[in-house]
Amino acid sequence: MAALTRLSKPSFTSLSSVSRISRCLYSGIAPEPSSHGASPYSPRLGPKPNLSVKDPKDRNIQWVFLGSPGVGKGTYASRLSNLLGVPHIATGDLVREELAASGPLSKELSEIVNQGKLVSDEIIISLLSKRLEAGGAKGELGFILDGFPRTIRQAEILEGVTEIDLVLNLKLREDVLVEKCLGRRMCSQCGGNFNVASINVKDSNGSPAISMAPLLPPPHCMSKLVTRADDTEEVVKHRIHVYNEKSRPVEEFYRSRGKLLEFDLPGGIPESWPKLLEVLNLDEYKEKQSAAA
């Protein structure tokens, strides 16, 4: 826990959670929570925040990504990490790295992952602490966390040691999630992540139709694609069930603190990425970065 402890920022205990977010990220005053108790930052439920992201050298962004398995947290967190110049830390990657290392935890983790269960708080916090300590030694500042916290206990631990600015909750219909997970592939040589699923789901029960083109690898990776051991239909559906049971309360944890921004993915990356930048008020920031490149 030492590395986690060193993340602590100055305390703003005299300010409300909304005011603390404003101090970190917003150029204007954040809207007051609605009378229905919904997050004021949800583009579906209220006005979006007036986000004004400063140069990463002037501001250490500390964001959390939530969302069901397969929703695309890693994809969008990685893109924002590159755009904003802060490290993307995915606890799923930390678990897979530990599995590949064949260390003392490898066998235990293999059984947990292959059964679609959640890794214990103790193991996740230990792996995350090691990652943060290594990043701190390299001079990393800020982070975008992906896959943590997944439980109320983890959220409380994180809240006790650092100030999370924004929690982005990516949402996608369950039938699409299952198709996406079953289409995931990884190159056994370069480690690149791809998806062979071509998704075209018609509108149903008020949900809009969704189309997602496959994310195919370059030709030299095509023959080296492998499927993750835990990406079977039974395990995928179980993982989504476990997420709904264990992690949905985390959404309410951050919603009650005025930090949750819910974003319904309208489709694949070409459709969703520009809309996400717009919701985060990063479209102009991206243009400036491109012009300077």
C-alpha atoms as a PDB file:
ATOM      1  CA  MET A   1       0.000   0.000   0.000  1.00  0.00           C
ATOM      2  CA  ALA A   2       3.041   2.267   0.247  1.00  0.00           C
ATOM      3  CA  ALA A   3       2.841   3.321  -3.389  1.00  0.00           C
ATOM      4  CA  LEU A   4      -0.858   4.059  -3.038  1.00  0.00           C
ATOM      5  CA  THR A   5      -0.221   6.149   0.045  1.00  0.00           C
ATOM      6  CA  ARG A   6       2.292   8.325  -1.783  1.00  0.00           C
ATOM      7  CA  LEU A   7      -0.403   9.330  -4.266  1.00  0.00           C
ATOM      8  CA  SER A   8      -2.212  11.481  -1.738  1.00  0.00           C
ATOM      9  CA  LYS A   9      -2.903  15.090  -2.740  1.00  0.00           C
ATOM     10  CA  PRO A  10      -3.608  18.110  -0.526  1.00  0.00           C
ATOM     11  CA  SER A  11      -6.937  17.659   1.238  1.00  0.00           C
ATOM     12  CA  PHE A  12      -9.877  19.829   0.145  1.00  0.00           C
ATOM     13  CA  THR A  13     -12.170  18.758   2.996  1.00  0.00           C
ATOM     14  CA  SER A  14     -13.893  22.140   3.174  1.00  0.00           C
ATOM     15  CA  LEU A  15     -15.135  21.781  -0.408  1.00  0.00           C
ATOM     16  CA  SER A  16     -17.965  19.646  -1.766  1.00  0.00           C
ATOM     17  CA  SER A  17     -17.131  16.829  -4.168  1.00  0.00           C
ATOM     18  CA  VAL A  18     -18.463  18.897  -7.084  1.00  0.00           C
ATOM     19  CA  SER A  19     -16.299  21.865  -6.072  1.00  0.00           C
ATOM     20  CA  ARG A  20     -13.243  19.663  -5.863  1.00  0.00           C
ATOM     21  CA  ILE A  21     -13.812  18.436  -9.405  1.00  0.00           C
ATOM     22  CA  SER A  22     -14.300  22.011 -10.555  1.00  0.00           C
ATOM     23  CA  ARG A  23     -11.010  23.045  -8.981  1.00  0.00           C
ATOM     24  CA  CYS A  24      -9.183  20.278 -10.881  1.00  0.00           C
ATOM     25  CA  LEU A  25     -10.874  20.152 -14.268  1.00  0.00           C
ATOM     26  CA  TYR A  26     -13.449  22.813 -14.908  1.00  0.00           C
ATOM     27  CA  SER A  27     -13.105  26.396 -16.049  1.00  0.00           C
ATOM     28  CA  GLY A  28     -16.638  27.233 -14.942  1.00  0.00           C
ATOM     29  CA  ILE A  29     -18.925  26.256 -12.093  1.00  0.00           C
ATOM     30  CA  ALA A  30     -20.241  22.699 -12.220  1.00  0.00           C
ATOM     31  CA  PRO A  31     -24.017  22.323 -12.286  1.00  0.00           C
ATOM     32  CA  GLU A  32     -25.877  21.431  -9.126  1.00  0.00           C
ATOM     33  CA  PRO A  33     -27.130  17.837  -8.799  1.00  0.00           C
ATOM     34  CA  SER A  34     -30.647  17.337 -10.085  1.00  0.00           C
ATOM     35  CA  SER A  35     -33.617  16.785  -7.803  1.00  0.00           C
ATOM     36  CA  HIS A  36     -33.817  13.203  -9.083  1.00  0.00           C
ATOM     37  CA  GLY A  37     -30.399  12.413  -7.643  1.00  0.00           C
ATOM     38  CA  ALA A  38     -28.921  11.632 -11.064  1.00  0.00           C
ATOM     39  CA  SER A  39     -25.389  12.598 -11.943  1.00  0.00           C
ATOM     40  CA  PRO A  40     -25.278  16.161 -13.320  1.00  0.00           C
ATOM     41  CA  TYR A  41     -22.543  15.004 -15.663  1.00  0.00           C
ATOM     42  CA  SER A  42     -24.515  12.364 -17.569  1.00  0.00           C
ATOM     43  CA  PRO A  43     -25.138  13.387 -21.192  1.00  0.00           C
ATOM     44  CA  ARG A  44     -28.281  11.257 -21.004  1.00  0.00           C
ATOM     45  CA  LEU A  45     -29.622  12.711 -17.776  1.00  0.00           C
ATOM     46  CA  GLY A  46     -28.478  16.312 -17.621  1.00  0.00           C
ATOM     47  CA  PRO A  47     -26.090  18.993 -18.869  1.00  0.00           C
ATOM     48  CA  LYS A  48     -22.554  17.881 -19.547  1.00  0.00           C
ATOM     49  CA  PRO A  49     -19.708  19.324 -17.492  1.00  0.00           C
ATOM     50  CA  ASN A  50     -17.769  22.336 -18.702  1.00  0.00           C
ATOM     51  CA  LEU A  51     -14.506  20.408 -18.890  1.00  0.00           C
ATOM     52  CA  SER A  52     -11.350  22.355 -19.540  1.00  0.00           C
ATOM     53  CA  VAL A  53      -8.358  20.046 -19.604  1.00  0.00           C
ATOM     54  CA  LYS A  54      -5.109  21.814 -18.892  1.00  0.00           C
ATOM     55  CA  ASP A  55      -1.722  20.929 -20.284  1.00  0.00           C
ATOM     56  CA  PRO A  56      -0.706  17.680 -18.530  1.00  0.00           C
ATOM     57  CA  LYS A  57       2.483  19.388 -17.365  1.00  0.00           C
ATOM     58  CA  ASP A  58       0.320  21.778 -15.357  1.00  0.00           C
ATOM     59  CA  ARG A  59      -2.263  19.261 -14.163  1.00  0.00           C
ATOM     60  CA  ASN A  60      -1.929  15.610 -13.150  1.00  0.00           C
ATOM     61  CA  ILE A  61      -5.142  14.050 -14.442  1.00  0.00           C
ATOM     62  CA  GLN A  62      -6.530  11.278 -12.236  1.00  0.00           C
ATOM     63  CA  TRP A  63      -9.444   9.565 -13.960  1.00  0.00           C
ATOM     64  CA  VAL A  64     -11.214   6.221 -13.531  1.00  0.00           C
ATOM     65  CA  PHE A  65     -12.889   4.192 -16.296  1.00  0.00           C
ATOM     66  CA  LEU A  66     -15.860   1.977 -15.413  1.00  0.00           C
ATOM     67  CA  GLY A  67     -17.819  -0.390 -17.630  1.00  0.00           C
ATOM     68  CA  SER A  68     -18.705  -4.025 -18.208  1.00  0.00           C
ATOM     69  CA  PRO A  69     -16.122  -6.487 -19.542  1.00  0.00           C
ATOM     70  CA  GLY A  70     -15.652  -5.976 -23.273  1.00  0.00           C
ATOM     71  CA  VAL A  71     -17.169  -2.490 -23.407  1.00  0.00           C
ATOM     72  CA  GLY A  72     -13.917  -0.941 -24.649  1.00  0.00           C
ATOM     73  CA  LYS A  73     -12.449   0.648 -21.517  1.00  0.00           C
ATOM     74  CA  GLY A  74      -8.921  -0.238 -22.581  1.00  0.00           C
ATOM     75  CA  THR A  75      -9.344   1.103 -26.107  1.00  0.00           C
ATOM     76  CA  TYR A  76     -10.694   4.512 -25.116  1.00  0.00           C
ATOM     77  CA  ALA A  77      -8.525   4.856 -22.005  1.00  0.00           C
ATOM     78  CA  SER A  78      -5.432   4.167 -24.119  1.00  0.00           C
ATOM     79  CA  ARG A  79      -6.453   6.777 -26.703  1.00  0.00           C
ATOM     80  CA  LEU A  80      -7.065   9.389 -24.014  1.00  0.00           C
ATOM     81  CA  SER A  81      -3.784   8.443 -22.365  1.00  0.00           C
ATOM     82  CA  ASN A  82      -1.910   9.195 -25.598  1.00  0.00           C
ATOM     83  CA  LEU A  83      -3.849  12.411 -26.116  1.00  0.00           C
ATOM     84  CA  LEU A  84      -3.372  13.777 -22.594  1.00  0.00           C
ATOM     85  CA  GLY A  85       0.087  12.410 -21.886  1.00  0.00           C
ATOM     86  CA  VAL A  86      -0.775  10.457 -18.731  1.00  0.00           C
ATOM     87  CA  PRO A  87      -0.254   6.716 -18.142  1.00  0.00           C
ATOM     88  CA  HIS A  88      -3.073   4.269 -18.770  1.00  0.00           C
ATOM     89  CA  ILE A  89      -3.060   1.656 -16.003  1.00  0.00           C
ATOM     90  CA  ALA A  90      -5.273  -1.364 -16.703  1.00  0.00           C
ATOM     91  CA  THR A  91      -5.569  -3.826 -13.847  1.00  0.00           C
ATOM     92  CA  GLY A  92      -6.549  -6.530 -16.355  1.00  0.00           C
ATOM     93  CA  ASP A  93      -3.162  -6.077 -18.025  1.00  0.00           C
ATOM     94  CA  LEU A  94      -1.453  -6.261 -14.627  1.00  0.00           C
ATOM     95  CA  VAL A  95      -3.183  -9.575 -13.957  1.00  0.00           C
ATOM     96  CA  ARG A  96      -2.211 -10.967 -17.385  1.00  0.00           C
ATOM     97  CA  GLU A  97       1.398  -9.830 -16.907  1.00  0.00           C
ATOM     98  CA  GLU A  98       1.489 -11.638 -13.562  1.00  0.00           C
ATOM     99  CA  LEU A  99       0.055 -14.752 -15.218  1.00  0.00           C
ATOM    100  CA  ALA A 100       2.721 -14.616 -17.943  1.00  0.00           C
ATOM    101  CA  ALA A 101       5.476 -14.162 -15.373  1.00  0.00           C
ATOM    102  CA  SER A 102       4.668 -17.552 -13.795  1.00  0.00           C
ATOM    103  CA  GLY A 103       5.238 -16.130 -10.335  1.00  0.00           C
ATOM    104  CA  PRO A 104       3.761 -17.318  -7.020  1.00  0.00           C
ATOM    105  CA  LEU A 105       0.347 -15.854  -7.880  1.00  0.00           C
ATOM    106  CA  SER A 106       0.173 -17.319 -11.373  1.00  0.00           C
ATOM    107  CA  LYS A 107      -1.673 -20.571 -10.578  1.00  0.00           C
ATOM    108  CA  GLU A 108      -4.181 -18.897  -8.273  1.00  0.00           C
ATOM    109  CA  LEU A 109      -4.874 -16.137 -10.781  1.00  0.00           C
ATOM    110  CA  SER A 110      -5.259 -18.638 -13.625  1.00  0.00           C
ATOM    111  CA  GLU A 111      -8.034 -20.474 -11.793  1.00  0.00           C
ATOM    112  CA  ILE A 112      -9.831 -17.218 -10.913  1.00  0.00           C
ATOM    113  CA  VAL A 113      -9.650 -15.730 -14.427  1.00  0.00           C
ATOM    114  CA  ASN A 114     -10.656 -18.919 -16.260  1.00  0.00           C
ATOM    115  CA  GLN A 115     -13.758 -19.218 -14.078  1.00  0.00           C
ATOM    116  CA  GLY A 116     -14.767 -15.612 -14.785  1.00  0.00           C
ATOM    117  CA  LYS A 117     -14.507 -14.587 -11.142  1.00  0.00           C
ATOM    118  CA  LEU A 118     -13.270 -11.250  -9.799  1.00  0.00           C
ATOM    119  CA  VAL A 119      -9.706 -11.175  -8.518  1.00  0.00           C
ATOM    120  CA  SER A 120      -9.632 -10.409  -4.786  1.00  0.00           C
ATOM    121  CA  ASP A 121      -9.137  -6.868  -3.501  1.00  0.00           C
ATOM    122  CA  GLU A 122      -5.891  -7.876  -1.829  1.00  0.00           C
ATOM    123  CA  ILE A 123      -4.317  -9.195  -5.044  1.00  0.00           C
ATOM    124  CA  ILE A 124      -5.488  -6.284  -7.200  1.00  0.00           C
ATOM    125  CA  ILE A 125      -4.296  -3.683  -4.691  1.00  0.00           C
ATOM    126  CA  SER A 126      -0.924  -5.428  -4.420  1.00  0.00           C
ATOM    127  CA  LEU A 127      -0.476  -5.469  -8.217  1.00  0.00           C
ATOM    128  CA  LEU A 128      -1.639  -1.865  -8.568  1.00  0.00           C
ATOM    129  CA  SER A 129       0.662  -0.716  -5.777  1.00  0.00           C
ATOM    130  CA  LYS A 130       3.636  -2.338  -7.518  1.00  0.00           C
ATOM    131  CA  ARG A 131       2.692  -0.677 -10.824  1.00  0.00           C
ATOM    132  CA  LEU A 132       2.323   2.765  -9.241  1.00  0.00           C
ATOM    133  CA  GLU A 133       5.613   2.401  -7.426  1.00  0.00           C
ATOM    134  CA  ALA A 134       7.375   1.497 -10.690  1.00  0.00           C
ATOM    135  CA  GLY A 135       5.715   4.422 -12.474  1.00  0.00           C
ATOM    136  CA  GLY A 136       6.672   6.815  -9.716  1.00  0.00           C
ATOM    137  CA  ALA A 137      10.297   5.725 -10.019  1.00  0.00           C
ATOM    138  CA  LYS A 138      10.136   6.646 -13.728  1.00  0.00           C
ATOM    139  CA  GLY A 139       8.621  10.056 -12.973  1.00  0.00           C
ATOM    140  CA  GLU A 140       5.068   9.311 -14.118  1.00  0.00           C
ATOM    141  CA  LEU A 141       2.430  11.826 -13.062  1.00  0.00           C
ATOM    142  CA  GLY A 142      -1.313  11.240 -12.991  1.00  0.00           C
ATOM    143  CA  PHE A 143      -3.148   8.214 -14.379  1.00  0.00           C
ATOM    144  CA  ILE A 144      -6.201   6.834 -16.132  1.00  0.00           C
ATOM    145  CA  LEU A 145      -7.277   3.751 -14.160  1.00  0.00           C
ATOM    146  CA  ASP A 146      -9.053   0.997 -16.093  1.00  0.00           C
ATOM    147  CA  GLY A 147     -10.574  -1.919 -14.180  1.00  0.00           C
ATOM    148  CA  PHE A 148     -10.134  -0.437 -10.706  1.00  0.00           C
ATOM    149  CA  PRO A 149     -12.067   0.079  -8.515  1.00  0.00           C
ATOM    150  CA  ARG A 150     -14.524  -2.772  -9.076  1.00  0.00           C
ATOM    151  CA  THR A 151     -15.992  -2.938  -5.583  1.00  0.00           C
ATOM    152  CA  ILE A 152     -17.150  -0.414  -2.995  1.00  0.00           C
ATOM    153  CA  ARG A 153     -14.242  -1.431  -0.763  1.00  0.00           C
ATOM    154  CA  GLN A 154     -11.745  -0.719  -3.528  1.00  0.00           C
ATOM    155  CA  ALA A 155     -13.423   2.640  -4.228  1.00  0.00           C
ATOM    156  CA  GLU A 156     -13.224   3.575  -0.546  1.00  0.00           C
ATOM    157  CA  ILE A 157      -9.554   2.596  -0.385  1.00  0.00           C
ATOM    158  CA  LEU A 158      -8.786   4.673  -3.474  1.00  0.00           C
ATOM    159  CA  GLU A 159     -10.772   7.632  -2.141  1.00  0.00           C
ATOM    160  CA  GLY A 160      -8.780   7.467   1.089  1.00  0.00           C
ATOM    161  CA  VAL A 161      -5.404   7.905  -0.606  1.00  0.00           C
ATOM    162  CA  THR A 162      -5.990  10.143  -3.625  1.00  0.00           C
ATOM    163  CA  GLU A 163      -8.438  12.549  -5.250  1.00  0.00           C
ATOM    164  CA  ILE A 164     -10.192  11.110  -8.315  1.00  0.00           C
ATOM    165  CA  ASP A 165     -11.283  13.901 -10.647  1.00  0.00           C
ATOM    166  CA  LEU A 166     -13.666  12.152 -13.025  1.00  0.00           C
ATOM    167  CA  VAL A 167     -15.201   8.687 -13.387  1.00  0.00           C
ATOM    168  CA  LEU A 168     -16.179   7.813 -16.959  1.00  0.00           C
ATOM    169  CA  ASN A 169     -18.747   5.016 -17.163  1.00  0.00           C
ATOM    170  CA  LEU A 170     -18.919   3.432 -20.632  1.00  0.00           C
ATOM    171  CA  LYS A 171     -22.202   1.661 -21.391  1.00  0.00           C
ATOM    172  CA  LEU A 172     -23.231  -0.821 -24.090  1.00  0.00           C
ATOM    173  CA  ARG A 173     -26.084  -3.316 -24.479  1.00  0.00           C
ATOM    174  CA  GLU A 174     -25.350  -6.777 -23.124  1.00  0.00           C
ATOM    175  CA  ASP A 175     -25.968  -8.666 -26.378  1.00  0.00           C
ATOM    176  CA  VAL A 176     -23.387  -6.446 -28.093  1.00  0.00           C
ATOM    177  CA  LEU A 177     -20.948  -6.911 -25.207  1.00  0.00           C
ATOM    178  CA  VAL A 178     -21.122 -10.688 -25.584  1.00  0.00           C
ATOM    179  CA  GLU A 179     -20.486 -10.501 -29.338  1.00  0.00           C
ATOM    180  CA  LYS A 180     -17.546  -8.145 -28.804  1.00  0.00           C
ATOM    181  CA  CYS A 181     -15.933 -10.385 -26.192  1.00  0.00           C
ATOM    182  CA  LEU A 182     -16.301 -13.491 -28.331  1.00  0.00           C
ATOM    183  CA  GLY A 183     -14.629 -11.651 -31.232  1.00  0.00           C
ATOM    184  CA  ARG A 184     -11.560 -10.542 -29.273  1.00  0.00           C
ATOM    185  CA  ARG A 185      -8.197 -11.809 -30.501  1.00  0.00           C
ATOM    186  CA  MET A 186      -4.580 -11.160 -29.533  1.00  0.00           C
ATOM    187  CA  CYS A 187      -1.461 -11.510 -31.633  1.00  0.00           C
ATOM    188  CA  SER A 188       0.732 -14.136 -29.984  1.00  0.00           C
ATOM    189  CA  GLN A 189       3.846 -12.437 -31.326  1.00  0.00           C
ATOM    190  CA  CYS A 190       3.392  -8.677 -30.866  1.00  0.00           C
ATOM    191  CA  GLY A 191       0.682  -8.755 -28.165  1.00  0.00           C
ATOM    192  CA  GLY A 192      -1.632  -6.470 -30.154  1.00  0.00           C
ATOM    193  CA  ASN A 193      -5.368  -6.626 -29.424  1.00  0.00           C
ATOM    194  CA  PHE A 194      -7.869  -6.974 -32.268  1.00  0.00           C
ATOM    195  CA  ASN A 195     -11.495  -7.971 -32.830  1.00  0.00           C
ATOM    196  CA  VAL A 196     -12.833 -10.135 -35.662  1.00  0.00           C
ATOM    197  CA  ALA A 197     -16.522  -9.630 -34.853  1.00  0.00           C
ATOM    198  CA  SER A 198     -18.681  -7.765 -37.359  1.00  0.00           C
ATOM    199  CA  ILE A 199     -21.611  -6.531 -35.281  1.00  0.00           C
ATOM    200  CA  ASN A 200     -24.929  -5.366 -36.684  1.00  0.00           C
ATOM    201  CA  VAL A 201     -27.613  -5.418 -34.007  1.00  0.00           C
ATOM    202  CA  LYS A 202     -31.086  -4.105 -34.762  1.00  0.00           C
ATOM    203  CA  ASP A 203     -32.922  -1.787 -32.390  1.00  0.00           C
ATOM    204  CA  SER A 204     -34.773  -3.620 -29.628  1.00  0.00           C
ATOM    205  CA  ASN A 205     -36.797  -2.604 -26.572  1.00  0.00           C
ATOM    206  CA  GLY A 206     -36.051   1.060 -27.091  1.00  0.00           C
ATOM    207  CA  SER A 207     -32.299   0.517 -27.576  1.00  0.00           C
ATOM    208  CA  PRO A 208     -30.859   1.974 -30.794  1.00  0.00           C
ATOM    209  CA  ALA A 209     -29.349  -0.191 -33.497  1.00  0.00           C
ATOM    210  CA  ILE A 210     -25.575  -0.600 -33.238  1.00  0.00           C
ATOM    211  CA  SER A 211     -23.031  -1.420 -35.927  1.00  0.00           C
ATOM    212  CA  MET A 212     -19.380  -2.133 -35.233  1.00  0.00           C
ATOM    213  CA  ALA A 213     -16.860  -3.036 -37.907  1.00  0.00           C
ATOM    214  CA  PRO A 214     -14.160  -5.580 -37.023  1.00  0.00           C
ATOM    215  CA  LEU A 215     -10.781  -4.275 -35.875  1.00  0.00           C
ATOM    216  CA  LEU A 216      -8.623  -6.547 -38.018  1.00  0.00           C
ATOM    217  CA  PRO A 217      -4.866  -6.953 -37.547  1.00  0.00           C
ATOM    218  CA  PRO A 218      -2.235  -6.221 -40.205  1.00  0.00           C
ATOM    219  CA  PRO A 219      -1.530  -9.170 -42.541  1.00  0.00           C
ATOM    220  CA  HIS A 220       1.611 -10.272 -40.700  1.00  0.00           C
ATOM    221  CA  CYS A 221      -0.402 -10.778 -37.486  1.00  0.00           C
ATOM    222  CA  MET A 222      -3.404 -12.562 -39.037  1.00  0.00           C
ATOM    223  CA  SER A 223      -1.957 -16.074 -38.777  1.00  0.00           C
ATOM    224  CA  LYS A 224      -0.803 -15.488 -35.191  1.00  0.00           C
ATOM    225  CA  LEU A 225      -4.157 -14.565 -33.632  1.00  0.00           C
ATOM    226  CA  VAL A 226      -5.170 -16.377 -30.460  1.00  0.00           C
ATOM    227  CA  THR A 227      -8.307 -16.261 -28.321  1.00  0.00           C
ATOM    228  CA  ARG A 228      -8.094 -15.453 -24.615  1.00  0.00           C
ATOM    229  CA  ALA A 229      -8.819 -18.519 -22.463  1.00  0.00           C
ATOM    230  CA  ASP A 230     -11.598 -16.682 -20.613  1.00  0.00           C
ATOM    231  CA  ASP A 231     -13.411 -15.519 -23.777  1.00  0.00           C
ATOM    232  CA  THR A 232     -15.961 -18.333 -23.981  1.00  0.00           C
ATOM    233  CA  GLU A 233     -19.669 -17.514 -24.099  1.00  0.00           C
ATOM    234  CA  GLU A 234     -20.318 -19.106 -20.709  1.00  0.00           C
ATOM    235  CA  VAL A 235     -17.468 -17.274 -19.008  1.00  0.00           C
ATOM    236  CA  VAL A 236     -18.225 -13.946 -20.745  1.00  0.00           C
ATOM    237  CA  LYS A 237     -21.869 -14.002 -19.634  1.00  0.00           C
ATOM    238  CA  HIS A 238     -20.794 -14.953 -16.122  1.00  0.00           C
ATOM    239  CA  ARG A 239     -18.277 -12.104 -16.010  1.00  0.00           C
ATOM    240  CA  ILE A 240     -20.965  -9.625 -17.076  1.00  0.00           C
ATOM    241  CA  HIS A 241     -23.286 -11.009 -14.388  1.00  0.00           C
ATOM    242  CA  VAL A 242     -20.556 -10.693 -11.763  1.00  0.00           C
ATOM    243  CA  TYR A 243     -19.848  -7.141 -12.904  1.00  0.00           C
ATOM    244  CA  ASN A 244     -23.509  -6.162 -12.643  1.00  0.00           C
ATOM    245  CA  GLU A 245     -23.724  -7.656  -9.171  1.00  0.00           C
ATOM    246  CA  LYS A 246     -20.462  -6.395  -7.710  1.00  0.00           C
ATOM    247  CA  SER A 247     -19.507  -3.268  -9.628  1.00  0.00           C
ATOM    248  CA  ARG A 248     -22.762  -1.442 -10.335  1.00  0.00           C
ATOM    249  CA  PRO A 249     -22.792  -0.172  -6.715  1.00  0.00           C
ATOM    250  CA  VAL A 250     -19.475   1.517  -7.535  1.00  0.00           C
ATOM    251  CA  GLU A 251     -21.312   3.598 -10.141  1.00  0.00           C
ATOM    252  CA  GLU A 252     -23.697   4.828  -7.452  1.00  0.00           C
ATOM    253  CA  PHE A 253     -20.732   5.480  -5.131  1.00  0.00           C
ATOM    254  CA  TYR A 254     -19.288   7.977  -7.615  1.00  0.00           C
ATOM    255  CA  ARG A 255     -22.685   9.256  -8.781  1.00  0.00           C
ATOM    256  CA  SER A 256     -23.496  10.283  -5.219  1.00  0.00           C
ATOM    257  CA  ARG A 257     -20.227  12.245  -5.154  1.00  0.00           C
ATOM    258  CA  GLY A 258     -21.015  14.072  -8.399  1.00  0.00           C
ATOM    259  CA  LYS A 259     -18.090  12.508 -10.254  1.00  0.00           C
ATOM    260  CA  LEU A 260     -19.794  10.064 -12.622  1.00  0.00           C
ATOM    261  CA  LEU A 261     -20.076  10.786 -16.334  1.00  0.00           C
ATOM    262  CA  GLU A 262     -22.134   8.144 -18.163  1.00  0.00           C
ATOM    263  CA  PHE A 263     -21.484   7.649 -21.860  1.00  0.00           C
ATOM    264  CA  ASP A 264     -23.541   5.346 -24.086  1.00  0.00           C
ATOM    265  CA  LEU A 265     -21.341   4.099 -26.925  1.00  0.00           C
ATOM    266  CA  PRO A 266     -23.200   4.819 -30.191  1.00  0.00           C
ATOM    267  CA  GLY A 267     -21.159   2.320 -32.225  1.00  0.00           C
ATOM    268  CA  GLY A 268     -17.558   1.442 -32.946  1.00  0.00           C
ATOM    269  CA  ILE A 269     -14.490   3.658 -32.636  1.00  0.00           C
ATOM    270  CA  PRO A 270     -15.244   5.847 -35.711  1.00  0.00           C
ATOM    271  CA  GLU A 271     -18.650   6.793 -34.277  1.00  0.00           C
ATOM    272  CA  SER A 272     -17.814   6.820 -30.561  1.00  0.00           C
ATOM    273  CA  TRP A 273     -14.384   8.478 -30.360  1.00  0.00           C
ATOM    274  CA  PRO A 274     -15.356  11.947 -31.689  1.00  0.00           C
ATOM    275  CA  LYS A 275     -18.532  11.950 -29.567  1.00  0.00           C
ATOM    276  CA  LEU A 276     -16.534  11.018 -26.482  1.00  0.00           C
ATOM    277  CA  LEU A 277     -14.094  13.863 -27.122  1.00  0.00           C
ATOM    278  CA  GLU A 278     -17.057  16.214 -27.498  1.00  0.00           C
ATOM    279  CA  VAL A 279     -18.613  15.066 -24.210  1.00  0.00           C
ATOM    280  CA  LEU A 280     -15.255  15.599 -22.476  1.00  0.00           C
ATOM    281  CA  ASN A 281     -14.722  18.938 -24.251  1.00  0.00           C
ATOM    282  CA  LEU A 282     -11.500  17.531 -25.692  1.00  0.00           C
ATOM    283  CA  ASP A 283     -12.271  17.940 -29.391  1.00  0.00           C
ATOM    284  CA  GLU A 284     -10.690  21.403 -29.455  1.00  0.00           C
ATOM    285  CA  TYR A 285      -7.751  20.141 -27.366  1.00  0.00           C
ATOM    286  CA  LYS A 286      -7.167  17.354 -29.902  1.00  0.00           C
ATOM    287  CA  GLU A 287      -7.147  19.849 -32.774  1.00  0.00           C
ATOM    288  CA  LYS A 288      -4.527  21.953 -30.985  1.00  0.00           C
ATOM    289  CA  GLN A 289      -2.393  18.889 -30.379  1.00  0.00           C
ATOM    290  CA  SER A 290      -2.636  17.864 -34.044  1.00  0.00           C
ATOM    291  CA  ALA A 291      -1.729  21.369 -35.216  1.00  0.00           C
ATOM    292  CA  ALA A 292       1.330  21.383 -32.978  1.00  0.00           C
ATOM    293  CA  ALA A 293       2.476  17.958 -34.157  1.00  0.00           C
END
